[in-house]
Amino acid sequence: QVQLVESGGGSVQPGGSLRLSCHVPLIAFRGYEMSWFRQVPGKRRELVAEISGEGTTNYADFVKGRFTISRDNSKKMVYLQMDSLNPEDTGVYSCFHALDYWGQGTQVTVSS
């Protein structure tokens, strides 16, 4: 069974925005930390942003001021609002649940 269901990836021009969503329908959500990771071509998977069960957020330096992570406990959803995207943000973005569950990944492509 799929534990995390992602959506919202796609193609956008530099400077554009995308919003990623991750639904956690089958496992406990409230109180658990959720994260977004990405794997860009030629690099290892890296942490983009994380949000604690209480809503405390943390961001990688390369997205600070551009990306915003949020969660809706009532819907069991976590979001990643990505603004001012640049080509270096191109990659596969995956959500991660603290109980060691990964989403399937969603492709983000930033290109003119």
C-alpha atoms as a PDB file:
ATOM      1  CA  GLN A   1       0.000   0.000   0.000  1.00  0.00           C
ATOM      2  CA  VAL A   2       1.168   3.497  -0.804  1.00  0.00           C
ATOM      3  CA  GLN A   3       1.688   5.400   2.402  1.00  0.00           C
ATOM      4  CA  LEU A   4       2.511   8.841   0.994  1.00  0.00           C
ATOM      5  CA  VAL A   5       0.913  10.275  -2.148  1.00  0.00           C
ATOM      6  CA  GLU A   6       2.580  13.262  -3.769  1.00  0.00           C
ATOM      7  CA  SER A   7       1.293  15.672  -6.386  1.00  0.00           C
ATOM      8  CA  GLY A   8       2.022  19.081  -7.846  1.00  0.00           C
ATOM      9  CA  GLY A   9       5.245  18.643  -9.765  1.00  0.00           C
ATOM     10  CA  GLY A  10       5.671  19.857 -13.317  1.00  0.00           C
ATOM     11  CA  SER A  11       7.532  22.241 -15.562  1.00  0.00           C
ATOM     12  CA  VAL A  12       7.907  25.943 -14.952  1.00  0.00           C
ATOM     13  CA  GLN A  13      10.021  28.805 -16.241  1.00  0.00           C
ATOM     14  CA  PRO A  14      12.721  30.396 -14.082  1.00  0.00           C
ATOM     15  CA  GLY A  15      11.166  32.723 -11.551  1.00  0.00           C
ATOM     16  CA  GLY A  16       7.960  30.732 -11.493  1.00  0.00           C
ATOM     17  CA  SER A  17       6.212  28.870  -8.689  1.00  0.00           C
ATOM     18  CA  LEU A  18       4.947  25.399  -7.925  1.00  0.00           C
ATOM     19  CA  ARG A  19       3.165  23.899  -4.949  1.00  0.00           C
ATOM     20  CA  LEU A  20       3.843  20.304  -3.998  1.00  0.00           C
ATOM     21  CA  SER A  21       1.412  18.313  -1.883  1.00  0.00           C
ATOM     22  CA  CYS A  22       1.870  15.103   0.062  1.00  0.00           C
ATOM     23  CA  HIS A  23      -1.083  13.169   1.442  1.00  0.00           C
ATOM     24  CA  VAL A  24      -0.622  10.646   4.226  1.00  0.00           C
ATOM     25  CA  PRO A  25      -3.880   8.706   4.219  1.00  0.00           C
ATOM     26  CA  LEU A  26      -3.042   5.473   5.982  1.00  0.00           C
ATOM     27  CA  ILE A  27      -0.582   6.132   8.788  1.00  0.00           C
ATOM     28  CA  ALA A  28      -0.443   8.412  11.804  1.00  0.00           C
ATOM     29  CA  PHE A  29       0.247  12.032  10.898  1.00  0.00           C
ATOM     30  CA  ARG A  30      -0.439  14.412  13.761  1.00  0.00           C
ATOM     31  CA  GLY A  31       2.644  14.876  15.892  1.00  0.00           C
ATOM     32  CA  TYR A  32       5.095  13.394  13.408  1.00  0.00           C
ATOM     33  CA  GLU A  33       7.771  15.339  11.620  1.00  0.00           C
ATOM     34  CA  MET A  34       7.430  15.560   7.845  1.00  0.00           C
ATOM     35  CA  SER A  35      10.128  16.521   5.386  1.00  0.00           C
ATOM     36  CA  TRP A  36      10.718  17.241   1.734  1.00  0.00           C
ATOM     37  CA  PHE A  37      13.877  15.982   0.059  1.00  0.00           C
ATOM     38  CA  ARG A  38      15.088  16.369  -3.475  1.00  0.00           C
ATOM     39  CA  GLN A  39      17.512  14.639  -5.765  1.00  0.00           C
ATOM     40  CA  VAL A  40      18.933  16.797  -8.489  1.00  0.00           C
ATOM     41  CA  PRO A  41      20.883  15.342 -11.411  1.00  0.00           C
ATOM     42  CA  GLY A  42      24.397  14.342 -10.435  1.00  0.00           C
ATOM     43  CA  LYS A  43      23.931  14.915  -6.725  1.00  0.00           C
ATOM     44  CA  ARG A  44      22.880  12.911  -3.698  1.00  0.00           C
ATOM     45  CA  ARG A  45      19.413  13.303  -2.208  1.00  0.00           C
ATOM     46  CA  GLU A  46      19.305  16.342   0.047  1.00  0.00           C
ATOM     47  CA  LEU A  47      16.963  17.783   2.636  1.00  0.00           C
ATOM     48  CA  VAL A  48      14.935  20.744   1.410  1.00  0.00           C
ATOM     49  CA  ALA A  49      12.645  21.531   4.342  1.00  0.00           C
ATOM     50  CA  GLU A  50      11.148  19.912   7.405  1.00  0.00           C
ATOM     51  CA  ILE A  51       8.276  20.633   9.732  1.00  0.00           C
ATOM     52  CA  SER A  52       7.838  19.213  13.204  1.00  0.00           C
ATOM     53  CA  GLY A  53       4.610  17.842  14.573  1.00  0.00           C
ATOM     54  CA  GLU A  54       4.146  21.171  16.358  1.00  0.00           C
ATOM     55  CA  GLY A  55       4.773  23.207  13.204  1.00  0.00           C
ATOM     56  CA  THR A  56       8.368  24.274  13.718  1.00  0.00           C
ATOM     57  CA  THR A  57      10.082  24.603  10.358  1.00  0.00           C
ATOM     58  CA  ASN A  58      13.641  24.268   9.118  1.00  0.00           C
ATOM     59  CA  TYR A  59      15.019  24.955   5.651  1.00  0.00           C
ATOM     60  CA  ALA A  60      18.127  24.208   3.680  1.00  0.00           C
ATOM     61  CA  ASP A  61      20.134  27.353   3.033  1.00  0.00           C
ATOM     62  CA  PHE A  62      19.610  27.073  -0.718  1.00  0.00           C
ATOM     63  CA  VAL A  63      15.818  27.480  -0.391  1.00  0.00           C
ATOM     64  CA  LYS A  64      15.516  29.924   2.505  1.00  0.00           C
ATOM     65  CA  GLY A  65      13.277  32.817   1.576  1.00  0.00           C
ATOM     66  CA  ARG A  66      11.974  31.029  -1.507  1.00  0.00           C
ATOM     67  CA  PHE A  67      10.261  27.839  -0.277  1.00  0.00           C
ATOM     68  CA  THR A  68       7.654  27.411   2.460  1.00  0.00           C
ATOM     69  CA  ILE A  69       6.696  24.129   4.105  1.00  0.00           C
ATOM     70  CA  SER A  70       3.343  23.793   5.851  1.00  0.00           C
ATOM     71  CA  ARG A  71       0.997  21.118   7.103  1.00  0.00           C
ATOM     72  CA  ASP A  72      -2.705  20.580   7.630  1.00  0.00           C
ATOM     73  CA  ASN A  73      -3.219  17.961  10.290  1.00  0.00           C
ATOM     74  CA  SER A  74      -6.966  17.735   9.673  1.00  0.00           C
ATOM     75  CA  LYS A  75      -6.329  16.708   6.062  1.00  0.00           C
ATOM     76  CA  LYS A  76      -3.135  14.756   6.772  1.00  0.00           C
ATOM     77  CA  MET A  77      -1.346  16.879   4.194  1.00  0.00           C
ATOM     78  CA  VAL A  78       2.041  18.525   3.976  1.00  0.00           C
ATOM     79  CA  TYR A  79       2.833  21.166   1.371  1.00  0.00           C
ATOM     80  CA  LEU A  80       5.887  22.750  -0.183  1.00  0.00           C
ATOM     81  CA  GLN A  81       5.292  26.151  -1.777  1.00  0.00           C
ATOM     82  CA  MET A  82       8.186  26.863  -4.106  1.00  0.00           C
ATOM     83  CA  ASP A  83       8.668  30.408  -5.390  1.00  0.00           C
ATOM     84  CA  SER A  84      11.424  32.085  -7.389  1.00  0.00           C
ATOM     85  CA  LEU A  85      12.389  28.755  -8.874  1.00  0.00           C
ATOM     86  CA  ASN A  86      15.624  28.505 -10.807  1.00  0.00           C
ATOM     87  CA  PRO A  87      17.072  25.782 -13.056  1.00  0.00           C
ATOM     88  CA  GLU A  88      19.194  24.470 -10.171  1.00  0.00           C
ATOM     89  CA  ASP A  89      15.949  23.465  -8.418  1.00  0.00           C
ATOM     90  CA  THR A  90      15.243  20.877 -11.119  1.00  0.00           C
ATOM     91  CA  GLY A  91      14.991  17.392  -9.673  1.00  0.00           C
ATOM     92  CA  VAL A  92      12.773  14.766  -8.097  1.00  0.00           C
ATOM     93  CA  TYR A  93      11.110  15.918  -4.898  1.00  0.00           C
ATOM     94  CA  SER A  94       9.966  13.383  -2.319  1.00  0.00           C
ATOM     95  CA  CYS A  95       8.171  13.701   0.962  1.00  0.00           C
ATOM     96  CA  PHE A  96       9.311  11.729   3.984  1.00  0.00           C
ATOM     97  CA  HIS A  97       7.480  10.687   7.110  1.00  0.00           C
ATOM     98  CA  ALA A  98       9.344  10.314  10.402  1.00  0.00           C
ATOM     99  CA  LEU A  99       8.259   6.676  10.616  1.00  0.00           C
ATOM    100  CA  ASP A 100      10.586   6.089   7.637  1.00  0.00           C
ATOM    101  CA  TYR A 101       8.095   6.244   4.806  1.00  0.00           C
ATOM    102  CA  TRP A 102       8.889   7.842   1.454  1.00  0.00           C
ATOM    103  CA  GLY A 103       6.659   9.179  -1.243  1.00  0.00           C
ATOM    104  CA  GLN A 104       7.099   8.054  -4.825  1.00  0.00           C
ATOM    105  CA  GLY A 105       8.674  11.343  -5.867  1.00  0.00           C
ATOM    106  CA  THR A 106       7.469  14.052  -8.202  1.00  0.00           C
ATOM    107  CA  GLN A 107       9.499  15.676 -10.967  1.00  0.00           C
ATOM    108  CA  VAL A 108      10.114  19.409 -10.903  1.00  0.00           C
ATOM    109  CA  THR A 109      11.665  20.943 -14.014  1.00  0.00           C
ATOM    110  CA  VAL A 110      12.681  24.588 -14.190  1.00  0.00           C
ATOM    111  CA  SER A 111      13.658  25.619 -17.680  1.00  0.00           C
ATOM    112  CA  SER A 112      13.178  28.420 -20.139  1.00  0.00           C
END
